[in-house]
Amino acid sequence: MQKAIFYAVSTGAGNPDLLTLQAVKILKECQAIFYPESEKNTIALDSISKITGLELTKKELFSCHFSMTKNEDKRKSEYDEVAARCENFLNKGKSVAMLSIGDVSLYSTAGHTASLIKKHGFNVEFIAGVNSFSAAAASSAISLCKKDEKLTIIPGDTFYIEGKLEYALKDQGSKILMKMGRHLEEIISLLDALGLIQNSTLVQKASLEDEKIFQGEEIKSMTIEDLKNAYLSVMIVN
């Protein structure tokens, strides 16, 4: 009998049209689907809810809550709990899919969960998807890299807090700033101070119906509500 597999499944940036055929195939095959849920969204689950033939009502669905805490013990406990729940199905010979918006190889809870499960001897597979910065670039009709240019992906909040963001922004090539949920306003001020705001594009909720795009000086005119929506924001600096 074929061994059960843990699939880390990318759902793309949020628009159901960005789901790959492979992702749909795997989701139809798996009996159990785990999905991230927070007070802000269930985007990953929403993106698969209208797939023809998926029949979610016949699947076993489990929400996963991962806090944004810096407490390593708490974070480890949360991941261990989810991994154990997944392994319970795998031990019964049932393959499991865990959803992640964007691509599971980049800042993904599903990707980290997969690494824990793999250490316990289970089969793990990643299903690729459209990441948020590619969707943001497409929405803005921006070419991220020209010939031989470098592309740098920066976790905005962490680099800002650690004082590394200014140096990173001065480096050559295009930059992608992600994970700016706590310090977006300060990051915008830094871009302005460095004279980079004109070459910047900020996209919120890329690919979704309520997507917003701010370019150049427009970024400095964002409302308080826009700044509060920083969780699903991507900044492109080129």
C-alpha atoms as a PDB file:
ATOM      1  CA  MET A   1       0.000   0.000   0.000  1.00  0.00           C
ATOM      2  CA  GLN A   2       1.290   3.463  -0.890  1.00  0.00           C
ATOM      3  CA  LYS A   3       2.352   5.447   2.154  1.00  0.00           C
ATOM      4  CA  ALA A   4       0.313   8.505   3.114  1.00  0.00           C
ATOM      5  CA  ILE A   5       1.811  11.861   2.126  1.00  0.00           C
ATOM      6  CA  PHE A   6       1.760  15.278   3.772  1.00  0.00           C
ATOM      7  CA  TYR A   7       1.228  17.874   1.048  1.00  0.00           C
ATOM      8  CA  ALA A   8       2.113  21.519   1.660  1.00  0.00           C
ATOM      9  CA  VAL A   9      -0.229  23.078  -0.904  1.00  0.00           C
ATOM     10  CA  SER A  10       0.198  26.597  -2.261  1.00  0.00           C
ATOM     11  CA  THR A  11      -3.086  28.395  -2.963  1.00  0.00           C
ATOM     12  CA  GLY A  12      -1.525  31.396  -4.689  1.00  0.00           C
ATOM     13  CA  ALA A  13      -1.991  35.018  -3.704  1.00  0.00           C
ATOM     14  CA  GLY A  14      -5.700  34.603  -2.995  1.00  0.00           C
ATOM     15  CA  ASN A  15      -7.540  34.724  -6.294  1.00  0.00           C
ATOM     16  CA  PRO A  16      -8.923  31.219  -6.992  1.00  0.00           C
ATOM     17  CA  ASP A  17      -7.862  31.587 -10.630  1.00  0.00           C
ATOM     18  CA  LEU A  18      -4.237  31.416  -9.477  1.00  0.00           C
ATOM     19  CA  LEU A  19      -4.554  27.883  -8.104  1.00  0.00           C
ATOM     20  CA  THR A  20      -2.512  25.418 -10.140  1.00  0.00           C
ATOM     21  CA  LEU A  21      -3.992  22.307 -11.716  1.00  0.00           C
ATOM     22  CA  GLN A  22      -1.651  20.247  -9.550  1.00  0.00           C
ATOM     23  CA  ALA A  23      -2.946  21.890  -6.375  1.00  0.00           C
ATOM     24  CA  VAL A  24      -6.541  21.162  -7.373  1.00  0.00           C
ATOM     25  CA  LYS A  25      -5.670  17.531  -8.143  1.00  0.00           C
ATOM     26  CA  ILE A  26      -3.992  17.006  -4.764  1.00  0.00           C
ATOM     27  CA  LEU A  27      -6.822  18.670  -2.848  1.00  0.00           C
ATOM     28  CA  LYS A  28      -9.347  16.392  -4.500  1.00  0.00           C
ATOM     29  CA  GLU A  29      -7.303  13.351  -3.492  1.00  0.00           C
ATOM     30  CA  CYS A  30      -6.739  14.264   0.164  1.00  0.00           C
ATOM     31  CA  GLN A  31      -9.317  13.382   2.798  1.00  0.00           C
ATOM     32  CA  ALA A  32      -8.082  15.888   5.371  1.00  0.00           C
ATOM     33  CA  ILE A  33      -7.328  19.558   4.714  1.00  0.00           C
ATOM     34  CA  PHE A  34      -5.677  21.848   7.261  1.00  0.00           C
ATOM     35  CA  TYR A  35      -5.885  25.604   6.693  1.00  0.00           C
ATOM     36  CA  PRO A  36      -4.506  28.703   8.469  1.00  0.00           C
ATOM     37  CA  GLU A  37      -7.065  30.902  10.192  1.00  0.00           C
ATOM     38  CA  SER A  38      -6.687  34.175  12.018  1.00  0.00           C
ATOM     39  CA  GLU A  39      -8.879  37.026  13.173  1.00  0.00           C
ATOM     40  CA  LYS A  40      -8.079  38.734   9.889  1.00  0.00           C
ATOM     41  CA  ASN A  41      -8.738  36.065   7.292  1.00  0.00           C
ATOM     42  CA  THR A  42      -9.294  32.548   6.039  1.00  0.00           C
ATOM     43  CA  ILE A  43      -8.024  33.458   2.568  1.00  0.00           C
ATOM     44  CA  ALA A  44      -6.434  30.079   1.868  1.00  0.00           C
ATOM     45  CA  LEU A  45      -9.674  28.210   2.560  1.00  0.00           C
ATOM     46  CA  ASP A  46     -11.767  30.803   0.725  1.00  0.00           C
ATOM     47  CA  SER A  47      -9.601  30.415  -2.383  1.00  0.00           C
ATOM     48  CA  ILE A  48     -10.450  26.714  -2.723  1.00  0.00           C
ATOM     49  CA  SER A  49     -14.097  26.897  -1.660  1.00  0.00           C
ATOM     50  CA  LYS A  50     -15.496  27.099  -5.186  1.00  0.00           C
ATOM     51  CA  ILE A  51     -13.347  24.507  -6.927  1.00  0.00           C
ATOM     52  CA  THR A  52     -15.589  22.367  -9.103  1.00  0.00           C
ATOM     53  CA  GLY A  53     -15.673  18.783  -7.883  1.00  0.00           C
ATOM     54  CA  LEU A  54     -13.720  19.379  -4.677  1.00  0.00           C
ATOM     55  CA  GLU A  55     -16.763  18.841  -2.422  1.00  0.00           C
ATOM     56  CA  LEU A  56     -15.388  20.339   0.772  1.00  0.00           C
ATOM     57  CA  THR A  57     -18.417  19.110   2.718  1.00  0.00           C
ATOM     58  CA  LYS A  58     -17.054  15.582   2.286  1.00  0.00           C
ATOM     59  CA  LYS A  59     -13.584  16.526   3.526  1.00  0.00           C
ATOM     60  CA  GLU A  60     -12.319  16.719   7.072  1.00  0.00           C
ATOM     61  CA  LEU A  61     -11.372  20.369   7.592  1.00  0.00           C
ATOM     62  CA  PHE A  62      -9.196  21.654  10.414  1.00  0.00           C
ATOM     63  CA  SER A  63      -8.272  25.262  11.150  1.00  0.00           C
ATOM     64  CA  CYS A  64      -4.746  26.068  12.362  1.00  0.00           C
ATOM     65  CA  HIS A  65      -3.982  29.062  14.537  1.00  0.00           C
ATOM     66  CA  PHE A  66      -0.429  30.397  14.519  1.00  0.00           C
ATOM     67  CA  SER A  67       0.162  33.463  16.659  1.00  0.00           C
ATOM     68  CA  MET A  68       2.599  36.212  15.704  1.00  0.00           C
ATOM     69  CA  THR A  69       4.310  36.006  19.091  1.00  0.00           C
ATOM     70  CA  LYS A  70       8.075  36.298  19.475  1.00  0.00           C
ATOM     71  CA  ASN A  71       7.897  33.713  22.262  1.00  0.00           C
ATOM     72  CA  GLU A  72       9.790  30.769  20.780  1.00  0.00           C
ATOM     73  CA  ASP A  73       8.327  28.255  23.228  1.00  0.00           C
ATOM     74  CA  LYS A  74       4.761  29.246  22.375  1.00  0.00           C
ATOM     75  CA  ARG A  75       5.468  29.154  18.646  1.00  0.00           C
ATOM     76  CA  LYS A  76       7.092  25.736  18.936  1.00  0.00           C
ATOM     77  CA  SER A  77       4.114  24.460  20.915  1.00  0.00           C
ATOM     78  CA  GLU A  78       1.684  25.684  18.234  1.00  0.00           C
ATOM     79  CA  TYR A  79       3.606  24.033  15.410  1.00  0.00           C
ATOM     80  CA  ASP A  80       4.096  20.807  17.343  1.00  0.00           C
ATOM     81  CA  GLU A  81       0.359  20.610  18.016  1.00  0.00           C
ATOM     82  CA  VAL A  82      -0.576  21.061  14.351  1.00  0.00           C
ATOM     83  CA  ALA A  83       2.092  18.601  13.202  1.00  0.00           C
ATOM     84  CA  ALA A  84       0.799  16.008  15.670  1.00  0.00           C
ATOM     85  CA  ARG A  85      -2.772  16.423  14.380  1.00  0.00           C
ATOM     86  CA  CYS A  86      -1.564  15.919  10.806  1.00  0.00           C
ATOM     87  CA  GLU A  87       0.494  12.876  11.781  1.00  0.00           C
ATOM     88  CA  ASN A  88      -2.581  11.315  13.374  1.00  0.00           C
ATOM     89  CA  PHE A  89      -4.121  11.100   9.891  1.00  0.00           C
ATOM     90  CA  LEU A  90      -0.883  10.011   8.238  1.00  0.00           C
ATOM     91  CA  ASN A  91      -0.536   7.156  10.701  1.00  0.00           C
ATOM     92  CA  LYS A  92      -3.964   5.959   9.574  1.00  0.00           C
ATOM     93  CA  GLY A  93      -2.824   5.906   5.944  1.00  0.00           C
ATOM     94  CA  LYS A  94      -4.667   9.114   5.038  1.00  0.00           C
ATOM     95  CA  SER A  95      -2.857  11.775   3.009  1.00  0.00           C
ATOM     96  CA  VAL A  96      -3.111  15.314   4.327  1.00  0.00           C
ATOM     97  CA  ALA A  97      -3.069  18.699   2.588  1.00  0.00           C
ATOM     98  CA  MET A  98      -2.091  21.861   4.440  1.00  0.00           C
ATOM     99  CA  LEU A  99      -2.902  25.113   2.691  1.00  0.00           C
ATOM    100  CA  SER A 100      -0.747  28.205   2.487  1.00  0.00           C
ATOM    101  CA  ILE A 101      -1.403  31.453   0.638  1.00  0.00           C
ATOM    102  CA  GLY A 102       1.319  32.424  -1.791  1.00  0.00           C
ATOM    103  CA  ASP A 103       3.962  29.745  -2.255  1.00  0.00           C
ATOM    104  CA  VAL A 104       4.746  27.201   0.472  1.00  0.00           C
ATOM    105  CA  SER A 105       8.500  27.641   0.046  1.00  0.00           C
ATOM    106  CA  LEU A 106       8.402  31.296   1.186  1.00  0.00           C
ATOM    107  CA  TYR A 107       7.546  32.415   4.761  1.00  0.00           C
ATOM    108  CA  SER A 108       5.039  29.581   5.005  1.00  0.00           C
ATOM    109  CA  THR A 109       3.512  27.942   8.077  1.00  0.00           C
ATOM    110  CA  ALA A 110       2.793  24.880   5.931  1.00  0.00           C
ATOM    111  CA  GLY A 111       6.438  24.717   4.880  1.00  0.00           C
ATOM    112  CA  HIS A 112       7.644  24.786   8.472  1.00  0.00           C
ATOM    113  CA  THR A 113       5.064  22.196   9.520  1.00  0.00           C
ATOM    114  CA  ALA A 114       6.269  19.972   6.686  1.00  0.00           C
ATOM    115  CA  SER A 115       9.840  20.131   8.003  1.00  0.00           C
ATOM    116  CA  LEU A 116       8.671  18.880  11.415  1.00  0.00           C
ATOM    117  CA  ILE A 117       6.631  16.059   9.907  1.00  0.00           C
ATOM    118  CA  LYS A 118       9.500  15.007   7.633  1.00  0.00           C
ATOM    119  CA  LYS A 119      11.780  14.637  10.661  1.00  0.00           C
ATOM    120  CA  HIS A 120       9.338  12.050  12.000  1.00  0.00           C
ATOM    121  CA  GLY A 121       9.784   9.873   8.931  1.00  0.00           C
ATOM    122  CA  PHE A 122       6.692  10.777   6.910  1.00  0.00           C
ATOM    123  CA  ASN A 123       6.639  11.515   3.181  1.00  0.00           C
ATOM    124  CA  VAL A 124       6.360  15.221   2.389  1.00  0.00           C
ATOM    125  CA  GLU A 125       5.711  17.037  -0.899  1.00  0.00           C
ATOM    126  CA  PHE A 126       5.528  20.747  -1.740  1.00  0.00           C
ATOM    127  CA  ILE A 127       2.990  21.957  -4.308  1.00  0.00           C
ATOM    128  CA  ALA A 128       4.220  25.197  -5.888  1.00  0.00           C
ATOM    129  CA  GLY A 129       2.090  28.301  -6.284  1.00  0.00           C
ATOM    130  CA  VAL A 130       1.998  31.963  -7.346  1.00  0.00           C
ATOM    131  CA  ASN A 131       3.639  34.017  -4.613  1.00  0.00           C
ATOM    132  CA  SER A 132       2.294  37.385  -3.522  1.00  0.00           C
ATOM    133  CA  PHE A 133       5.073  39.520  -4.964  1.00  0.00           C
ATOM    134  CA  SER A 134       4.691  37.936  -8.412  1.00  0.00           C
ATOM    135  CA  ALA A 135       0.944  38.619  -8.246  1.00  0.00           C
ATOM    136  CA  ALA A 136       1.647  42.191  -7.090  1.00  0.00           C
ATOM    137  CA  ALA A 137       4.091  42.773  -9.949  1.00  0.00           C
ATOM    138  CA  ALA A 138       1.572  41.389 -12.439  1.00  0.00           C
ATOM    139  CA  SER A 139      -1.206  43.626 -11.117  1.00  0.00           C
ATOM    140  CA  SER A 140       1.100  46.643 -11.415  1.00  0.00           C
ATOM    141  CA  ALA A 141       2.531  45.607 -14.806  1.00  0.00           C
ATOM    142  CA  ILE A 142       6.041  45.775 -13.331  1.00  0.00           C
ATOM    143  CA  SER A 143       9.050  43.803 -14.502  1.00  0.00           C
ATOM    144  CA  LEU A 144      10.884  42.874 -11.313  1.00  0.00           C
ATOM    145  CA  CYS A 145      14.263  42.193 -12.909  1.00  0.00           C
ATOM    146  CA  LYS A 146      15.992  43.173 -16.091  1.00  0.00           C
ATOM    147  CA  LYS A 147      18.914  41.228 -17.530  1.00  0.00           C
ATOM    148  CA  ASP A 148      21.502  40.318 -14.896  1.00  0.00           C
ATOM    149  CA  GLU A 149      19.772  42.332 -12.135  1.00  0.00           C
ATOM    150  CA  LYS A 150      19.541  41.064  -8.578  1.00  0.00           C
ATOM    151  CA  LEU A 151      16.246  40.610  -6.724  1.00  0.00           C
ATOM    152  CA  THR A 152      16.260  40.781  -2.922  1.00  0.00           C
ATOM    153  CA  ILE A 153      13.365  39.675  -0.682  1.00  0.00           C
ATOM    154  CA  ILE A 154      13.316  41.464   2.666  1.00  0.00           C
ATOM    155  CA  PRO A 155      11.198  40.768   5.788  1.00  0.00           C
ATOM    156  CA  GLY A 156      10.352  44.417   6.411  1.00  0.00           C
ATOM    157  CA  ASP A 157       9.457  44.490  10.113  1.00  0.00           C
ATOM    158  CA  THR A 158      12.437  42.431  11.252  1.00  0.00           C
ATOM    159  CA  PHE A 159      14.971  44.362   9.191  1.00  0.00           C
ATOM    160  CA  TYR A 160      13.489  47.675  10.390  1.00  0.00           C
ATOM    161  CA  ILE A 161      13.594  46.653  14.059  1.00  0.00           C
ATOM    162  CA  GLU A 162      17.154  45.348  13.756  1.00  0.00           C
ATOM    163  CA  GLY A 163      18.352  48.473  11.964  1.00  0.00           C
ATOM    164  CA  LYS A 164      19.288  46.605   8.776  1.00  0.00           C
ATOM    165  CA  LEU A 165      16.637  47.961   6.427  1.00  0.00           C
ATOM    166  CA  GLU A 166      18.388  51.144   5.307  1.00  0.00           C
ATOM    167  CA  TYR A 167      21.506  49.218   4.299  1.00  0.00           C
ATOM    168  CA  ALA A 168      19.429  46.604   2.446  1.00  0.00           C
ATOM    169  CA  LEU A 169      17.498  49.270   0.540  1.00  0.00           C
ATOM    170  CA  LYS A 170      20.714  50.908  -0.624  1.00  0.00           C
ATOM    171  CA  ASP A 171      21.923  47.667  -2.190  1.00  0.00           C
ATOM    172  CA  GLN A 172      21.784  47.157  -5.953  1.00  0.00           C
ATOM    173  CA  GLY A 173      18.870  45.588  -7.777  1.00  0.00           C
ATOM    174  CA  SER A 174      15.154  45.399  -7.118  1.00  0.00           C
ATOM    175  CA  LYS A 175      13.817  44.814  -3.615  1.00  0.00           C
ATOM    176  CA  ILE A 176      10.677  43.136  -2.387  1.00  0.00           C
ATOM    177  CA  LEU A 177       9.502  44.081   1.098  1.00  0.00           C
ATOM    178  CA  MET A 178       7.118  41.648   2.781  1.00  0.00           C
ATOM    179  CA  LYS A 179       5.921  41.022   6.352  1.00  0.00           C
ATOM    180  CA  MET A 180       5.430  44.713   7.166  1.00  0.00           C
ATOM    181  CA  GLY A 181       2.369  44.339   9.402  1.00  0.00           C
ATOM    182  CA  ARG A 182       3.740  46.297  12.350  1.00  0.00           C
ATOM    183  CA  HIS A 183       5.982  48.986  10.876  1.00  0.00           C
ATOM    184  CA  LEU A 184       4.600  49.894   7.460  1.00  0.00           C
ATOM    185  CA  GLU A 185       4.299  53.588   8.288  1.00  0.00           C
ATOM    186  CA  GLU A 186       7.906  53.788   9.486  1.00  0.00           C
ATOM    187  CA  ILE A 187       9.117  51.858   6.433  1.00  0.00           C
ATOM    188  CA  ILE A 188       7.338  54.308   4.133  1.00  0.00           C
ATOM    189  CA  SER A 189       9.019  57.212   5.951  1.00  0.00           C
ATOM    190  CA  LEU A 190      12.418  55.565   5.488  1.00  0.00           C
ATOM    191  CA  LEU A 191      11.830  55.028   1.770  1.00  0.00           C
ATOM    192  CA  ASP A 192      10.892  58.697   1.452  1.00  0.00           C
ATOM    193  CA  ALA A 193      13.976  59.826   3.383  1.00  0.00           C
ATOM    194  CA  LEU A 194      16.211  57.713   1.128  1.00  0.00           C
ATOM    195  CA  GLY A 195      14.643  59.182  -2.017  1.00  0.00           C
ATOM    196  CA  LEU A 196      13.214  55.790  -3.050  1.00  0.00           C
ATOM    197  CA  ILE A 197       9.505  56.493  -2.770  1.00  0.00           C
ATOM    198  CA  GLN A 198       9.174  57.470  -6.452  1.00  0.00           C
ATOM    199  CA  ASN A 199      10.534  54.089  -7.477  1.00  0.00           C
ATOM    200  CA  SER A 200       8.242  52.186  -5.124  1.00  0.00           C
ATOM    201  CA  THR A 201       4.911  50.419  -5.588  1.00  0.00           C
ATOM    202  CA  LEU A 202       2.821  49.095  -2.724  1.00  0.00           C
ATOM    203  CA  VAL A 203       0.144  46.493  -3.434  1.00  0.00           C
ATOM    204  CA  GLN A 204      -2.383  45.356  -0.865  1.00  0.00           C
ATOM    205  CA  LYS A 205      -4.332  42.120  -1.271  1.00  0.00           C
ATOM    206  CA  ALA A 206      -2.763  41.363  -4.653  1.00  0.00           C
ATOM    207  CA  SER A 207      -5.094  39.501  -7.045  1.00  0.00           C
ATOM    208  CA  LEU A 208      -8.171  39.831  -4.797  1.00  0.00           C
ATOM    209  CA  GLU A 209     -11.290  41.852  -5.608  1.00  0.00           C
ATOM    210  CA  ASP A 210     -10.420  44.540  -3.049  1.00  0.00           C
ATOM    211  CA  GLU A 211      -6.824  44.871  -4.232  1.00  0.00           C
ATOM    212  CA  LYS A 212      -5.282  48.344  -3.890  1.00  0.00           C
ATOM    213  CA  ILE A 213      -2.207  49.710  -5.676  1.00  0.00           C
ATOM    214  CA  PHE A 214      -0.259  52.775  -4.539  1.00  0.00           C
ATOM    215  CA  GLN A 215       2.609  54.099  -6.659  1.00  0.00           C
ATOM    216  CA  GLY A 216       5.228  56.735  -5.928  1.00  0.00           C
ATOM    217  CA  GLU A 217       3.943  59.720  -3.949  1.00  0.00           C
ATOM    218  CA  GLU A 218       0.542  58.016  -3.576  1.00  0.00           C
ATOM    219  CA  ILE A 219       2.123  55.761  -0.970  1.00  0.00           C
ATOM    220  CA  LYS A 220       2.608  58.722   1.389  1.00  0.00           C
ATOM    221  CA  SER A 221      -1.097  59.580   1.107  1.00  0.00           C
ATOM    222  CA  MET A 222      -2.391  56.239   2.337  1.00  0.00           C
ATOM    223  CA  THR A 223      -5.199  56.459   4.880  1.00  0.00           C
ATOM    224  CA  ILE A 224      -5.019  55.159   8.439  1.00  0.00           C
ATOM    225  CA  GLU A 225      -7.255  52.292   7.350  1.00  0.00           C
ATOM    226  CA  ASP A 226      -4.876  51.446   4.503  1.00  0.00           C
ATOM    227  CA  LEU A 227      -1.957  51.390   6.919  1.00  0.00           C
ATOM    228  CA  LYS A 228      -3.885  49.038   9.203  1.00  0.00           C
ATOM    229  CA  ASN A 229      -4.203  46.596   6.279  1.00  0.00           C
ATOM    230  CA  ALA A 230      -0.435  46.141   6.144  1.00  0.00           C
ATOM    231  CA  TYR A 231      -0.687  42.394   6.803  1.00  0.00           C
ATOM    232  CA  LEU A 232      -1.272  41.594   3.120  1.00  0.00           C
ATOM    233  CA  SER A 233       0.970  44.304   1.689  1.00  0.00           C
ATOM    234  CA  VAL A 234       3.928  43.928  -0.657  1.00  0.00           C
ATOM    235  CA  MET A 235       6.321  46.762  -1.481  1.00  0.00           C
ATOM    236  CA  ILE A 236       8.277  46.668  -4.730  1.00  0.00           C
ATOM    237  CA  VAL A 237      11.263  48.989  -4.907  1.00  0.00           C
ATOM    238  CA  ASN A 238      12.976  49.231  -8.265  1.00  0.00           C
END
